[in-house]
Structures are given as structure tokens and as C-alpha cells.
């Protein structure tokens, strides 16, 4: 097909008109005729439609599909790929920005026919003015994984790939795999990537191409359920990887680790409500301690966690930033960082 785009940016959005505008500007400012943008709007109630229409006047390769009912992020991303015409689908968030040269870098690499291109990102504070972590994926040089290296790729990249803009996948590979099985996990892209071994080569780009906005997660209130149950449940469902490798990605039952419960309590992600989510088989001293942690005053746990991070984990600046969700504290830490 003569006018077929090379890359389709696939975006699922809902009620983030202002941030989406910044994302679109960062893409369109670099876009060529080899690029198209697909937006699936999960029944937004703000001015998303008007914002998108303004950008359609600037970029003819932008297609917008507004849903009457919010079907969930997994379905929306999957549907965006169904509308795509590009050789590759680059799944983009609706609040992050591309760095200069990102489009040309991926266009160049996509010409080599990789089944999957993994894109690195840098973490920034909410207004993007300061860098928290220079690389989400801590590698300094590009890596190429052959089909025989798929298990190493799983260990090296699975955690990073939980960030959906890291995924640039050949559309025919995406279309050939099961998506519906992973609806509701919040990580349909992870299910598609790891349900089968890739037959072609995989490229991991070391240089960060995306500015990831921190402090804007839409499912903060669901963090405990996501990271304690849904994420490990998904990782441990993949049959192509031995348990020894899955353990290196995440524990099978991370909720059994009391220090994680304490950390989640400090971040406001673990409470009496979450305590009730623990399996009924949870008994004994562990259950007692888990219950105590659930009711510990957050104003006591949080400062302890902040001090611990500053002294013992100074590189975890993104976690520290996330802890300081009070506006005055955030202003202070932004100056500190």
C-alpha cells in the first residue's frame, strides 16, 4: 500500500484533555507522512473532543474514535490497534511527551524489521521541569535479542514494559495474538508480548525517548490490587518461562512480604480495606502483623519511609517524589531534586 504509514501511535484516553494536548503536540511536531495517530476516547466528559478536533486541523493523520461507554483501558488500547494501518503500533500514554528526535529514531530502527522495539524513558516530576531518573531501564547501550534469547529478554525488560509507551510492536504480530484473555488486567500489552516467544529479533533502545510524567497515575487507589495481585498473577501465568525467571521479575505472592505492606501503607496504598483483600488462607502471626500495619497512622509511617529512602535508597527518586503528594511537600522536594 503506497501511502501506508510506518508507525501508528495508539492512544487510549479519558478526561485528560489538557495533558493529551501536550502529548499530541510532542508527536505532531515530529510527525512525517510515515506517521498516523489513533485516539480511542473512553467516554470522556471533559473537552477532549474539542481539543482533538483542533489538532486534526493541524495534522491530517489523526483519527479520533469516541466511545459512548468506557470499556476499560485494555479494550481501548486493543481497539486502537484494530483501527491502525501502520506497520508498527507505538502504544502511547495520554500524558507523557516524546523527546526530540524520538520519532526519527524509531522510524529508522523499524526499517530493520524487528518484531518488537522496546523504548526507554526518563521519569520527570509532574510539570516535567526536572528529571527524577534518567532511565527507567538502566542500560547504557542498545540490545538485540534473538528468538533464542527470549527468556533473557523477559527477565531484563518485563518490569519496564509495564509502562505501555515502551512498546512499539509489529502490527501483524499484535493482531496474531490473544488480547481478550488479558482484558481487565491493566496490562494487555504485557500479555500480548509474553504469551508467545517472538520468532523475529527484538531491539531495546537504551537512549530515553519519552518524558514520563510522575504523580499522575489514574489508578492510584487501585495500586495495591494491581501490584500485589494482578501484576504477579499475569507474570506467573506465562507458560514459556520457568518459575526461577518469574521470581526475578516479581514474587508470586508479594503481599506476603511484610516490608512491602509497610511501604504501601506509607504511600497510602494499603489500608483496612486492602487488608480484607488478603486471601482467607492468610493466618497466624503474619495475619496479625498485616492487620496492625493496615491501621498504623500514615503520618507516622510515611516520614519513616521518606527517611529510609533518603539514607538507604537515594536513587529511588521517583518513589520519593510519589510519597510527597502534599502540594507544599511536593514544591519542597522539586526544589531539592
C-alpha atoms as a PDB file:
ATOM      1  CA  UNK A   1       0.000   0.000   0.000  1.00  0.00           C
ATOM      2  CA  UNK A   2       1.679   3.168  -1.255  1.00  0.00           C
ATOM      3  CA  UNK A   3       0.512   5.623   1.404  1.00  0.00           C
ATOM      4  CA  UNK A   4       0.557   3.180   4.289  1.00  0.00           C
ATOM      5  CA  UNK A   5       2.106   4.720   7.441  1.00  0.00           C
ATOM      6  CA  UNK A   6       5.090   3.097   9.062  1.00  0.00           C
ATOM      7  CA  UNK A   7       4.116   3.850  12.674  1.00  0.00           C
ATOM      8  CA  UNK A   8       0.677   4.212  14.217  1.00  0.00           C
ATOM      9  CA  UNK A   9       0.658   5.993  17.578  1.00  0.00           C
ATOM     10  CA  UNK A  10      -2.140   4.264  19.512  1.00  0.00           C
ATOM     11  CA  UNK A  11      -3.559   6.275  22.399  1.00  0.00           C
ATOM     12  CA  UNK A  12      -6.306   5.431  24.880  1.00  0.00           C
ATOM     13  CA  UNK A  13      -7.590   8.437  26.817  1.00  0.00           C
ATOM     14  CA  UNK A  14     -10.303   9.573  29.188  1.00  0.00           C
ATOM     15  CA  UNK A  15     -10.804  13.018  30.754  1.00  0.00           C
ATOM     16  CA  UNK A  16      -7.262  14.296  30.279  1.00  0.00           C
ATOM     17  CA  UNK A  17      -7.810  16.930  27.610  1.00  0.00           C
ATOM     18  CA  UNK A  18      -5.100  19.330  28.766  1.00  0.00           C
ATOM     19  CA  UNK A  19      -2.407  16.696  29.146  1.00  0.00           C
ATOM     20  CA  UNK A  20      -3.454  14.959  25.939  1.00  0.00           C
ATOM     21  CA  UNK A  21      -2.923  18.243  24.101  1.00  0.00           C
ATOM     22  CA  UNK A  22       0.706  18.322  25.264  1.00  0.00           C
ATOM     23  CA  UNK A  23       1.197  14.696  24.206  1.00  0.00           C
ATOM     24  CA  UNK A  24      -0.240  15.337  20.752  1.00  0.00           C
ATOM     25  CA  UNK A  25       1.882  18.442  20.282  1.00  0.00           C
ATOM     26  CA  UNK A  26       5.028  16.456  21.076  1.00  0.00           C
ATOM     27  CA  UNK A  27       4.116  13.818  18.482  1.00  0.00           C
ATOM     28  CA  UNK A  28       2.826  16.087  15.709  1.00  0.00           C
ATOM     29  CA  UNK A  29       5.823  18.406  15.978  1.00  0.00           C
ATOM     30  CA  UNK A  30       7.982  15.452  14.859  1.00  0.00           C
ATOM     31  CA  UNK A  31       5.494  13.649  12.617  1.00  0.00           C
ATOM     32  CA  UNK A  32       6.007  12.893   8.939  1.00  0.00           C
ATOM     33  CA  UNK A  33       3.809  11.208   6.329  1.00  0.00           C
ATOM     34  CA  UNK A  34       5.042   7.916   7.771  1.00  0.00           C
ATOM     35  CA  UNK A  35       3.111   8.600  10.990  1.00  0.00           C
ATOM     36  CA  UNK A  36      -0.536   8.346  11.968  1.00  0.00           C
ATOM     37  CA  UNK A  37      -2.249   8.822  15.328  1.00  0.00           C
ATOM     38  CA  UNK A  38      -5.231   6.814  16.560  1.00  0.00           C
ATOM     39  CA  UNK A  39      -7.103   8.015  19.656  1.00  0.00           C
ATOM     40  CA  UNK A  40      -9.726   5.936  21.430  1.00  0.00           C
ATOM     41  CA  UNK A  41     -11.676   8.107  23.855  1.00  0.00           C
ATOM     42  CA  UNK A  42     -13.291   6.113  26.655  1.00  0.00           C
ATOM     43  CA  UNK A  43     -16.378   8.325  27.006  1.00  0.00           C
ATOM     44  CA  UNK A  44     -14.659  11.485  28.252  1.00  0.00           C
ATOM     45  CA  UNK A  45     -16.866  14.084  29.905  1.00  0.00           C
ATOM     46  CA  UNK A  46     -14.405  16.969  29.564  1.00  0.00           C
ATOM     47  CA  UNK A  47     -13.417  18.894  26.406  1.00  0.00           C
ATOM     48  CA  UNK A  48     -11.302  16.108  24.922  1.00  0.00           C
ATOM     49  CA  UNK A  49     -13.343  16.096  21.700  1.00  0.00           C
ATOM     50  CA  UNK A  50     -12.787  19.798  21.097  1.00  0.00           C
ATOM     51  CA  UNK A  51      -9.063  19.528  21.829  1.00  0.00           C
ATOM     52  CA  UNK A  52      -8.613  16.615  19.439  1.00  0.00           C
ATOM     53  CA  UNK A  53     -10.546  18.367  16.687  1.00  0.00           C
ATOM     54  CA  UNK A  54      -8.173  21.329  16.977  1.00  0.00           C
ATOM     55  CA  UNK A  55      -5.218  19.016  16.402  1.00  0.00           C
ATOM     56  CA  UNK A  56      -6.954  17.331  13.474  1.00  0.00           C
ATOM     57  CA  UNK A  57      -6.844  20.712  11.749  1.00  0.00           C
ATOM     58  CA  UNK A  58      -3.056  20.681  12.166  1.00  0.00           C
ATOM     59  CA  UNK A  59      -2.405  17.022  11.334  1.00  0.00           C
ATOM     60  CA  UNK A  60      -4.491  15.109   8.805  1.00  0.00           C
ATOM     61  CA  UNK A  61      -3.157  11.755  10.004  1.00  0.00           C
ATOM     62  CA  UNK A  62      -5.056  11.943  13.303  1.00  0.00           C
ATOM     63  CA  UNK A  63      -8.117   9.731  13.697  1.00  0.00           C
ATOM     64  CA  UNK A  64     -10.423  10.021  16.693  1.00  0.00           C
ATOM     65  CA  UNK A  65     -12.938   7.442  17.904  1.00  0.00           C
ATOM     66  CA  UNK A  66     -15.100   8.446  20.848  1.00  0.00           C
ATOM     67  CA  UNK A  67     -16.853   5.671  22.770  1.00  0.00           C
ATOM     68  CA  UNK A  68     -20.244   6.164  24.417  1.00  0.00           C
ATOM     69  CA  UNK A  69     -19.266   3.778  27.217  1.00  0.00           C
ATOM     70  CA  UNK A  70     -15.932   3.426  28.982  1.00  0.00           C
ATOM     71  CA  UNK A  71     -14.852  -0.124  28.177  1.00  0.00           C
ATOM     72  CA  UNK A  72     -11.570  -0.016  30.089  1.00  0.00           C
ATOM     73  CA  UNK A  73      -8.006   0.783  29.130  1.00  0.00           C
ATOM     74  CA  UNK A  74      -7.159  -2.724  27.874  1.00  0.00           C
ATOM     75  CA  UNK A  75     -10.049  -2.815  25.417  1.00  0.00           C
ATOM     76  CA  UNK A  76      -9.353   0.730  24.270  1.00  0.00           C
ATOM     77  CA  UNK A  77      -5.686   0.087  23.521  1.00  0.00           C
ATOM     78  CA  UNK A  78      -6.594  -3.141  21.745  1.00  0.00           C
ATOM     79  CA  UNK A  79      -9.223  -1.331  19.680  1.00  0.00           C
ATOM     80  CA  UNK A  80      -6.766   1.424  18.781  1.00  0.00           C
ATOM     81  CA  UNK A  81      -4.573  -1.232  17.154  1.00  0.00           C
ATOM     82  CA  UNK A  82      -7.585  -2.518  15.192  1.00  0.00           C
ATOM     83  CA  UNK A  83      -8.031   0.921  13.626  1.00  0.00           C
ATOM     84  CA  UNK A  84      -4.293   1.313  12.950  1.00  0.00           C
ATOM     85  CA  UNK A  85      -2.868   0.963   9.454  1.00  0.00           C
ATOM     86  CA  UNK A  86       0.840   1.265  10.247  1.00  0.00           C
ATOM     87  CA  UNK A  87       3.406  -1.492  10.061  1.00  0.00           C
ATOM     88  CA  UNK A  88       4.068  -0.855  13.766  1.00  0.00           C
ATOM     89  CA  UNK A  89       1.892   0.202  16.688  1.00  0.00           C
ATOM     90  CA  UNK A  90       3.518   2.511  19.219  1.00  0.00           C
ATOM     91  CA  UNK A  91       1.275   2.477  22.279  1.00  0.00           C
ATOM     92  CA  UNK A  92       1.411   5.937  23.810  1.00  0.00           C
ATOM     93  CA  UNK A  93       0.028   7.269  27.093  1.00  0.00           C
ATOM     94  CA  UNK A  94      -2.157  10.368  27.094  1.00  0.00           C
ATOM     95  CA  UNK A  95       0.009  12.432  29.448  1.00  0.00           C
ATOM     96  CA  UNK A  96       3.664  11.813  28.563  1.00  0.00           C
ATOM     97  CA  UNK A  97       5.801  13.558  25.948  1.00  0.00           C
ATOM     98  CA  UNK A  98       8.207  12.405  23.258  1.00  0.00           C
ATOM     99  CA  UNK A  99      11.734  13.716  23.466  1.00  0.00           C
ATOM    100  CA  UNK A 100      13.255  15.478  20.464  1.00  0.00           C
ATOM    101  CA  UNK A 101      14.229  13.031  17.737  1.00  0.00           C
ATOM    102  CA  UNK A 102      12.170  10.149  19.144  1.00  0.00           C
ATOM    103  CA  UNK A 103      10.058   9.614  16.029  1.00  0.00           C
ATOM    104  CA  UNK A 104      13.019   9.606  13.648  1.00  0.00           C
ATOM    105  CA  UNK A 105      14.929   7.211  15.914  1.00  0.00           C
ATOM    106  CA  UNK A 106      12.126   4.648  15.953  1.00  0.00           C
ATOM    107  CA  UNK A 107      11.350   5.118  12.247  1.00  0.00           C
ATOM    108  CA  UNK A 108      14.969   4.331  11.424  1.00  0.00           C
ATOM    109  CA  UNK A 109      15.037   1.233  13.621  1.00  0.00           C
ATOM    110  CA  UNK A 110      11.663  -0.030  12.416  1.00  0.00           C
ATOM    111  CA  UNK A 111      13.053  -0.275   8.879  1.00  0.00           C
ATOM    112  CA  UNK A 112      15.178  -3.187  10.120  1.00  0.00           C
ATOM    113  CA  UNK A 113      12.077  -5.319  10.637  1.00  0.00           C
ATOM    114  CA  UNK A 114      12.224  -6.038  14.369  1.00  0.00           C
ATOM    115  CA  UNK A 115       9.176  -7.800  15.790  1.00  0.00           C
ATOM    116  CA  UNK A 116       9.329  -5.565  18.852  1.00  0.00           C
ATOM    117  CA  UNK A 117      11.139  -2.342  19.701  1.00  0.00           C
ATOM    118  CA  UNK A 118      11.381  -1.522  23.415  1.00  0.00           C
ATOM    119  CA  UNK A 119      11.691   2.205  24.073  1.00  0.00           C
ATOM    120  CA  UNK A 120      13.371   3.643  27.155  1.00  0.00           C
ATOM    121  CA  UNK A 121      12.045   6.635  29.105  1.00  0.00           C
ATOM    122  CA  UNK A 122      13.129   9.105  31.742  1.00  0.00           C
ATOM    123  CA  UNK A 123      10.995   9.873  34.804  1.00  0.00           C
ATOM    124  CA  UNK A 124      10.203  13.537  35.456  1.00  0.00           C
ATOM    125  CA  UNK A 125       8.209  15.488  38.025  1.00  0.00           C
ATOM    126  CA  UNK A 126       4.608  16.336  37.184  1.00  0.00           C
ATOM    127  CA  UNK A 127       5.353  19.561  35.312  1.00  0.00           C
ATOM    128  CA  UNK A 128       8.246  17.842  33.502  1.00  0.00           C
ATOM    129  CA  UNK A 129      10.718  20.552  34.502  1.00  0.00           C
ATOM    130  CA  UNK A 130      13.101  18.232  36.395  1.00  0.00           C
ATOM    131  CA  UNK A 131      14.379  14.713  35.850  1.00  0.00           C
ATOM    132  CA  UNK A 132      13.890  12.192  38.658  1.00  0.00           C
ATOM    133  CA  UNK A 133      15.527   9.204  36.977  1.00  0.00           C
ATOM    134  CA  UNK A 134      17.470   9.414  33.734  1.00  0.00           C
ATOM    135  CA  UNK A 135      16.462   5.904  32.635  1.00  0.00           C
ATOM    136  CA  UNK A 136      13.571   3.672  33.605  1.00  0.00           C
ATOM    137  CA  UNK A 137      15.502   0.782  32.107  1.00  0.00           C
ATOM    138  CA  UNK A 138      19.034   1.027  33.413  1.00  0.00           C
ATOM    139  CA  UNK A 139      21.057   0.149  30.334  1.00  0.00           C
ATOM    140  CA  UNK A 140      23.601   2.305  28.504  1.00  0.00           C
ATOM    141  CA  UNK A 141      23.768   0.554  25.118  1.00  0.00           C
ATOM    142  CA  UNK A 142      21.155  -0.816  22.715  1.00  0.00           C
ATOM    143  CA  UNK A 143      20.471  -4.541  22.922  1.00  0.00           C
ATOM    144  CA  UNK A 144      19.244  -7.003  20.327  1.00  0.00           C
ATOM    145  CA  UNK A 145      17.584 -10.234  21.439  1.00  0.00           C
ATOM    146  CA  UNK A 146      17.246 -13.186  19.083  1.00  0.00           C
ATOM    147  CA  UNK A 147      14.391 -15.654  19.420  1.00  0.00           C
ATOM    148  CA  UNK A 148      16.660 -17.956  21.441  1.00  0.00           C
ATOM    149  CA  UNK A 149      17.255 -15.083  23.901  1.00  0.00           C
ATOM    150  CA  UNK A 150      13.561 -14.611  24.680  1.00  0.00           C
ATOM    151  CA  UNK A 151      13.907 -15.718  28.284  1.00  0.00           C
ATOM    152  CA  UNK A 152      16.691 -13.211  28.913  1.00  0.00           C
ATOM    153  CA  UNK A 153      14.541 -10.522  27.328  1.00  0.00           C
ATOM    154  CA  UNK A 154      11.697 -11.441  29.688  1.00  0.00           C
ATOM    155  CA  UNK A 155      13.866 -11.001  32.780  1.00  0.00           C
ATOM    156  CA  UNK A 156      15.562  -7.841  31.517  1.00  0.00           C
ATOM    157  CA  UNK A 157      12.516  -5.931  30.281  1.00  0.00           C
ATOM    158  CA  UNK A 158       9.258  -7.207  31.839  1.00  0.00           C
ATOM    159  CA  UNK A 159       9.150  -4.637  34.648  1.00  0.00           C
ATOM    160  CA  UNK A 160       9.940  -1.799  32.272  1.00  0.00           C
ATOM    161  CA  UNK A 161       7.321  -2.965  29.790  1.00  0.00           C
ATOM    162  CA  UNK A 162       4.622  -2.428  32.403  1.00  0.00           C
ATOM    163  CA  UNK A 163       4.979   1.164  31.115  1.00  0.00           C
ATOM    164  CA  UNK A 164       2.925   0.937  27.925  1.00  0.00           C
ATOM    165  CA  UNK A 165       4.690   3.667  25.868  1.00  0.00           C
ATOM    166  CA  UNK A 166       7.761   1.408  25.947  1.00  0.00           C
ATOM    167  CA  UNK A 167       6.033  -0.890  23.421  1.00  0.00           C
ATOM    168  CA  UNK A 168       6.489  -0.498  19.667  1.00  0.00           C
ATOM    169  CA  UNK A 169       5.266  -3.761  18.169  1.00  0.00           C
ATOM    170  CA  UNK A 170       4.824  -5.005  14.617  1.00  0.00           C
ATOM    171  CA  UNK A 171       1.089  -4.778  13.985  1.00  0.00           C
ATOM    172  CA  UNK A 172       0.834  -8.198  12.356  1.00  0.00           C
ATOM    173  CA  UNK A 173       2.414  -9.728  15.473  1.00  0.00           C
ATOM    174  CA  UNK A 174      -0.050  -7.885  17.712  1.00  0.00           C
ATOM    175  CA  UNK A 175      -3.019  -8.951  15.563  1.00  0.00           C
ATOM    176  CA  UNK A 176      -1.947 -12.596  15.602  1.00  0.00           C
ATOM    177  CA  UNK A 177      -2.002 -12.838  19.391  1.00  0.00           C
ATOM    178  CA  UNK A 178      -4.747 -13.169  22.004  1.00  0.00           C
ATOM    179  CA  UNK A 179      -5.837  -9.882  23.562  1.00  0.00           C
ATOM    180  CA  UNK A 180      -9.192 -10.709  25.128  1.00  0.00           C
ATOM    181  CA  UNK A 181      -7.559 -13.062  27.637  1.00  0.00           C
ATOM    182  CA  UNK A 182      -5.888 -10.062  29.276  1.00  0.00           C
ATOM    183  CA  UNK A 183      -8.762  -7.584  29.394  1.00  0.00           C
ATOM    184  CA  UNK A 184      -9.141  -6.279  32.933  1.00  0.00           C
ATOM    185  CA  UNK A 185      -5.526  -6.844  33.932  1.00  0.00           C
ATOM    186  CA  UNK A 186      -4.479  -3.285  33.093  1.00  0.00           C
ATOM    187  CA  UNK A 187      -1.561  -4.781  31.146  1.00  0.00           C
ATOM    188  CA  UNK A 188      -2.984  -6.195  27.920  1.00  0.00           C
ATOM    189  CA  UNK A 189       0.258  -5.260  26.160  1.00  0.00           C
ATOM    190  CA  UNK A 190       2.296  -7.401  28.572  1.00  0.00           C
ATOM    191  CA  UNK A 191       0.013 -10.340  27.850  1.00  0.00           C
ATOM    192  CA  UNK A 192       0.482  -9.911  24.117  1.00  0.00           C
ATOM    193  CA  UNK A 193       4.272  -9.543  24.366  1.00  0.00           C
ATOM    194  CA  UNK A 194       4.975 -12.529  26.599  1.00  0.00           C
ATOM    195  CA  UNK A 195       2.268 -15.062  25.704  1.00  0.00           C
ATOM    196  CA  UNK A 196       4.499 -16.448  22.949  1.00  0.00           C
ATOM    197  CA  UNK A 197       8.179 -16.456  22.036  1.00  0.00           C
ATOM    198  CA  UNK A 198       8.997 -13.956  19.296  1.00  0.00           C
ATOM    199  CA  UNK A 199      10.211 -15.507  16.067  1.00  0.00           C
ATOM    200  CA  UNK A 200      11.945 -12.308  14.927  1.00  0.00           C
ATOM    201  CA  UNK A 201      14.507 -10.081  16.598  1.00  0.00           C
ATOM    202  CA  UNK A 202      13.759  -7.632  19.416  1.00  0.00           C
ATOM    203  CA  UNK A 203      15.536  -4.290  19.852  1.00  0.00           C
ATOM    204  CA  UNK A 204      15.840  -2.441  23.152  1.00  0.00           C
ATOM    205  CA  UNK A 205      16.783   1.226  22.703  1.00  0.00           C
ATOM    206  CA  UNK A 206      18.904   2.453  25.607  1.00  0.00           C
ATOM    207  CA  UNK A 207      18.548   6.188  24.979  1.00  0.00           C
ATOM    208  CA  UNK A 208      15.387   7.584  26.641  1.00  0.00           C
ATOM    209  CA  UNK A 209      12.915   8.750  24.005  1.00  0.00           C
ATOM    210  CA  UNK A 210       9.998   9.632  26.307  1.00  0.00           C
ATOM    211  CA  UNK A 211       9.490  12.022  29.223  1.00  0.00           C
ATOM    212  CA  UNK A 212       7.310  10.096  31.665  1.00  0.00           C
ATOM    213  CA  UNK A 213       5.188  12.340  33.877  1.00  0.00           C
ATOM    214  CA  UNK A 214       5.126  11.181  37.500  1.00  0.00           C
ATOM    215  CA  UNK A 215       2.389  11.913  40.047  1.00  0.00           C
ATOM    216  CA  UNK A 216      -0.409  11.421  37.527  1.00  0.00           C
ATOM    217  CA  UNK A 217      -1.306   7.738  37.762  1.00  0.00           C
ATOM    218  CA  UNK A 218      -5.023   7.254  37.142  1.00  0.00           C
ATOM    219  CA  UNK A 219      -5.299   4.087  39.270  1.00  0.00           C
ATOM    220  CA  UNK A 220      -3.534   5.151  42.477  1.00  0.00           C
ATOM    221  CA  UNK A 221      -6.497   3.936  44.530  1.00  0.00           C
ATOM    222  CA  UNK A 222      -6.109   0.511  42.914  1.00  0.00           C
ATOM    223  CA  UNK A 223      -2.320   0.244  43.329  1.00  0.00           C
ATOM    224  CA  UNK A 224      -2.470  -2.481  45.979  1.00  0.00           C
ATOM    225  CA  UNK A 225      -4.719  -4.706  43.891  1.00  0.00           C
ATOM    226  CA  UNK A 226      -2.680  -4.058  40.733  1.00  0.00           C
ATOM    227  CA  UNK A 227       0.814  -4.693  42.100  1.00  0.00           C
ATOM    228  CA  UNK A 228       0.016  -7.284  44.763  1.00  0.00           C
ATOM    229  CA  UNK A 229      -2.397  -9.436  42.765  1.00  0.00           C
ATOM    230  CA  UNK A 230      -2.990  -8.542  39.097  1.00  0.00           C
ATOM    231  CA  UNK A 231       0.634  -7.945  38.095  1.00  0.00           C
ATOM    232  CA  UNK A 232       2.093 -11.106  39.722  1.00  0.00           C
ATOM    233  CA  UNK A 233      -0.913 -13.108  38.562  1.00  0.00           C
ATOM    234  CA  UNK A 234      -0.180 -12.046  34.999  1.00  0.00           C
ATOM    235  CA  UNK A 235       3.573 -12.640  35.154  1.00  0.00           C
ATOM    236  CA  UNK A 236       3.139 -16.078  36.708  1.00  0.00           C
ATOM    237  CA  UNK A 237       0.574 -17.063  34.070  1.00  0.00           C
ATOM    238  CA  UNK A 238       3.132 -17.203  31.266  1.00  0.00           C
ATOM    239  CA  UNK A 239       3.951 -20.814  30.493  1.00  0.00           C
ATOM    240  CA  UNK A 240       7.053 -20.154  28.393  1.00  0.00           C
ATOM    241  CA  UNK A 241       9.174 -19.097  31.354  1.00  0.00           C
ATOM    242  CA  UNK A 242      10.355 -21.215  34.308  1.00  0.00           C
ATOM    243  CA  UNK A 243       9.459 -20.202  37.856  1.00  0.00           C
ATOM    244  CA  UNK A 244      13.070 -19.266  38.552  1.00  0.00           C
ATOM    245  CA  UNK A 245      12.823 -16.475  35.947  1.00  0.00           C
ATOM    246  CA  UNK A 246       9.381 -15.328  37.064  1.00  0.00           C
ATOM    247  CA  UNK A 247      10.760 -14.857  40.587  1.00  0.00           C
ATOM    248  CA  UNK A 248      13.330 -12.461  39.177  1.00  0.00           C
ATOM    249  CA  UNK A 249      10.545 -10.320  37.742  1.00  0.00           C
ATOM    250  CA  UNK A 250       8.278 -10.377  40.810  1.00  0.00           C
ATOM    251  CA  UNK A 251       7.372 -12.662  43.734  1.00  0.00           C
ATOM    252  CA  UNK A 252       4.384 -14.911  43.178  1.00  0.00           C
ATOM    253  CA  UNK A 253       2.681 -13.552  46.318  1.00  0.00           C
ATOM    254  CA  UNK A 254       4.284 -10.171  47.059  1.00  0.00           C
ATOM    255  CA  UNK A 255       1.570  -9.369  49.602  1.00  0.00           C
ATOM    256  CA  UNK A 256       3.215 -11.936  51.933  1.00  0.00           C
ATOM    257  CA  UNK A 257       6.252  -9.656  52.337  1.00  0.00           C
ATOM    258  CA  UNK A 258       5.570  -7.503  55.388  1.00  0.00           C
ATOM    259  CA  UNK A 259       8.115  -4.844  54.425  1.00  0.00           C
ATOM    260  CA  UNK A 260       6.143  -4.282  51.213  1.00  0.00           C
ATOM    261  CA  UNK A 261       2.923  -3.878  53.179  1.00  0.00           C
ATOM    262  CA  UNK A 262       4.671  -1.302  55.351  1.00  0.00           C
ATOM    263  CA  UNK A 263       5.962   0.555  52.296  1.00  0.00           C
ATOM    264  CA  UNK A 264       2.497   0.523  50.724  1.00  0.00           C
ATOM    265  CA  UNK A 265       0.980   1.789  53.973  1.00  0.00           C
ATOM    266  CA  UNK A 266       3.398   4.724  53.897  1.00  0.00           C
ATOM    267  CA  UNK A 267       2.376   5.512  50.329  1.00  0.00           C
ATOM    268  CA  UNK A 268      -1.320   5.302  51.166  1.00  0.00           C
ATOM    269  CA  UNK A 269      -1.844   2.166  49.054  1.00  0.00           C
ATOM    270  CA  UNK A 270      -2.575  -0.239  51.930  1.00  0.00           C
ATOM    271  CA  UNK A 271      -5.425   0.144  54.422  1.00  0.00           C
ATOM    272  CA  UNK A 272      -8.045  -1.849  56.320  1.00  0.00           C
ATOM    273  CA  UNK A 273      -9.952  -2.150  53.048  1.00  0.00           C
ATOM    274  CA  UNK A 274      -6.914  -3.687  51.356  1.00  0.00           C
ATOM    275  CA  UNK A 275      -6.282  -5.924  54.357  1.00  0.00           C
ATOM    276  CA  UNK A 276      -9.650  -7.539  53.658  1.00  0.00           C
ATOM    277  CA  UNK A 277      -8.376  -8.376  50.151  1.00  0.00           C
ATOM    278  CA  UNK A 278      -5.777 -10.776  51.560  1.00  0.00           C
ATOM    279  CA  UNK A 279      -6.636 -14.427  50.878  1.00  0.00           C
ATOM    280  CA  UNK A 280      -8.704 -16.173  53.543  1.00  0.00           C
ATOM    281  CA  UNK A 281      -5.904 -18.687  53.880  1.00  0.00           C
ATOM    282  CA  UNK A 282      -3.805 -15.951  55.488  1.00  0.00           C
ATOM    283  CA  UNK A 283      -3.450 -16.919  59.158  1.00  0.00           C
ATOM    284  CA  UNK A 284      -1.213 -16.809  62.184  1.00  0.00           C
ATOM    285  CA  UNK A 285       1.327 -14.182  63.202  1.00  0.00           C
ATOM    286  CA  UNK A 286       1.592 -12.832  59.648  1.00  0.00           C
ATOM    287  CA  UNK A 287      -2.117 -12.003  59.601  1.00  0.00           C
ATOM    288  CA  UNK A 288      -1.860 -10.227  62.948  1.00  0.00           C
ATOM    289  CA  UNK A 289       1.105  -8.103  61.837  1.00  0.00           C
ATOM    290  CA  UNK A 290      -0.524  -7.381  58.462  1.00  0.00           C
ATOM    291  CA  UNK A 291      -3.591  -6.146  60.318  1.00  0.00           C
ATOM    292  CA  UNK A 292      -1.525  -3.905  62.574  1.00  0.00           C
ATOM    293  CA  UNK A 293       0.269  -2.385  59.580  1.00  0.00           C
ATOM    294  CA  UNK A 294      -3.091  -1.654  57.932  1.00  0.00           C
ATOM    295  CA  UNK A 295      -4.136   0.612  60.813  1.00  0.00           C
ATOM    296  CA  UNK A 296      -0.800   2.287  61.537  1.00  0.00           C
ATOM    297  CA  UNK A 297      -1.141   6.075  61.169  1.00  0.00           C
ATOM    298  CA  UNK A 298       0.151   7.045  57.730  1.00  0.00           C
ATOM    299  CA  UNK A 299       1.603  10.257  59.190  1.00  0.00           C
ATOM    300  CA  UNK A 300       3.996   8.069  61.190  1.00  0.00           C
ATOM    301  CA  UNK A 301       4.861   5.509  58.520  1.00  0.00           C
ATOM    302  CA  UNK A 302       5.364   7.993  55.691  1.00  0.00           C
ATOM    303  CA  UNK A 303       8.156  10.047  57.364  1.00  0.00           C
ATOM    304  CA  UNK A 304       9.924   6.806  58.302  1.00  0.00           C
ATOM    305  CA  UNK A 305       9.754   5.644  54.707  1.00  0.00           C
ATOM    306  CA  UNK A 306      10.995   9.002  53.412  1.00  0.00           C
ATOM    307  CA  UNK A 307      13.986   8.950  55.761  1.00  0.00           C
ATOM    308  CA  UNK A 308      14.762   5.355  54.757  1.00  0.00           C
ATOM    309  CA  UNK A 309      14.718   6.228  51.057  1.00  0.00           C
ATOM    310  CA  UNK A 310      16.909   9.290  51.515  1.00  0.00           C
ATOM    311  CA  UNK A 311      19.521   7.379  53.533  1.00  0.00           C
ATOM    312  CA  UNK A 312      19.485   3.882  52.040  1.00  0.00           C
ATOM    313  CA  UNK A 313      17.843   4.188  48.599  1.00  0.00           C
ATOM    314  CA  UNK A 314      18.829   7.643  47.300  1.00  0.00           C
ATOM    315  CA  UNK A 315      18.469   6.557  43.671  1.00  0.00           C
ATOM    316  CA  UNK A 316      14.744   5.870  44.103  1.00  0.00           C
ATOM    317  CA  UNK A 317      13.847   9.490  43.496  1.00  0.00           C
ATOM    318  CA  UNK A 318      10.637   8.602  41.677  1.00  0.00           C
ATOM    319  CA  UNK A 319       9.334   6.669  44.706  1.00  0.00           C
ATOM    320  CA  UNK A 320      10.314   9.537  46.998  1.00  0.00           C
ATOM    321  CA  UNK A 321       8.531  12.018  44.759  1.00  0.00           C
ATOM    322  CA  UNK A 322       5.405   9.871  44.759  1.00  0.00           C
ATOM    323  CA  UNK A 323       5.370   9.827  48.564  1.00  0.00           C
ATOM    324  CA  UNK A 324       5.254  13.579  48.765  1.00  0.00           C
ATOM    325  CA  UNK A 325       1.763  14.021  47.412  1.00  0.00           C
ATOM    326  CA  UNK A 326       1.027  17.049  49.568  1.00  0.00           C
ATOM    327  CA  UNK A 327       1.381  20.167  47.388  1.00  0.00           C
ATOM    328  CA  UNK A 328       3.678  22.001  49.849  1.00  0.00           C
ATOM    329  CA  UNK A 329       5.908  18.968  50.276  1.00  0.00           C
ATOM    330  CA  UNK A 330       5.978  18.444  46.526  1.00  0.00           C
ATOM    331  CA  UNK A 331       7.109  22.011  45.974  1.00  0.00           C
ATOM    332  CA  UNK A 332       9.894  21.491  48.501  1.00  0.00           C
ATOM    333  CA  UNK A 333      11.079  18.207  47.029  1.00  0.00           C
ATOM    334  CA  UNK A 334      11.001  19.597  43.482  1.00  0.00           C
ATOM    335  CA  UNK A 335      13.447  22.252  44.635  1.00  0.00           C
ATOM    336  CA  UNK A 336      15.507  19.643  46.489  1.00  0.00           C
ATOM    337  CA  UNK A 337      15.756  17.335  43.487  1.00  0.00           C
END
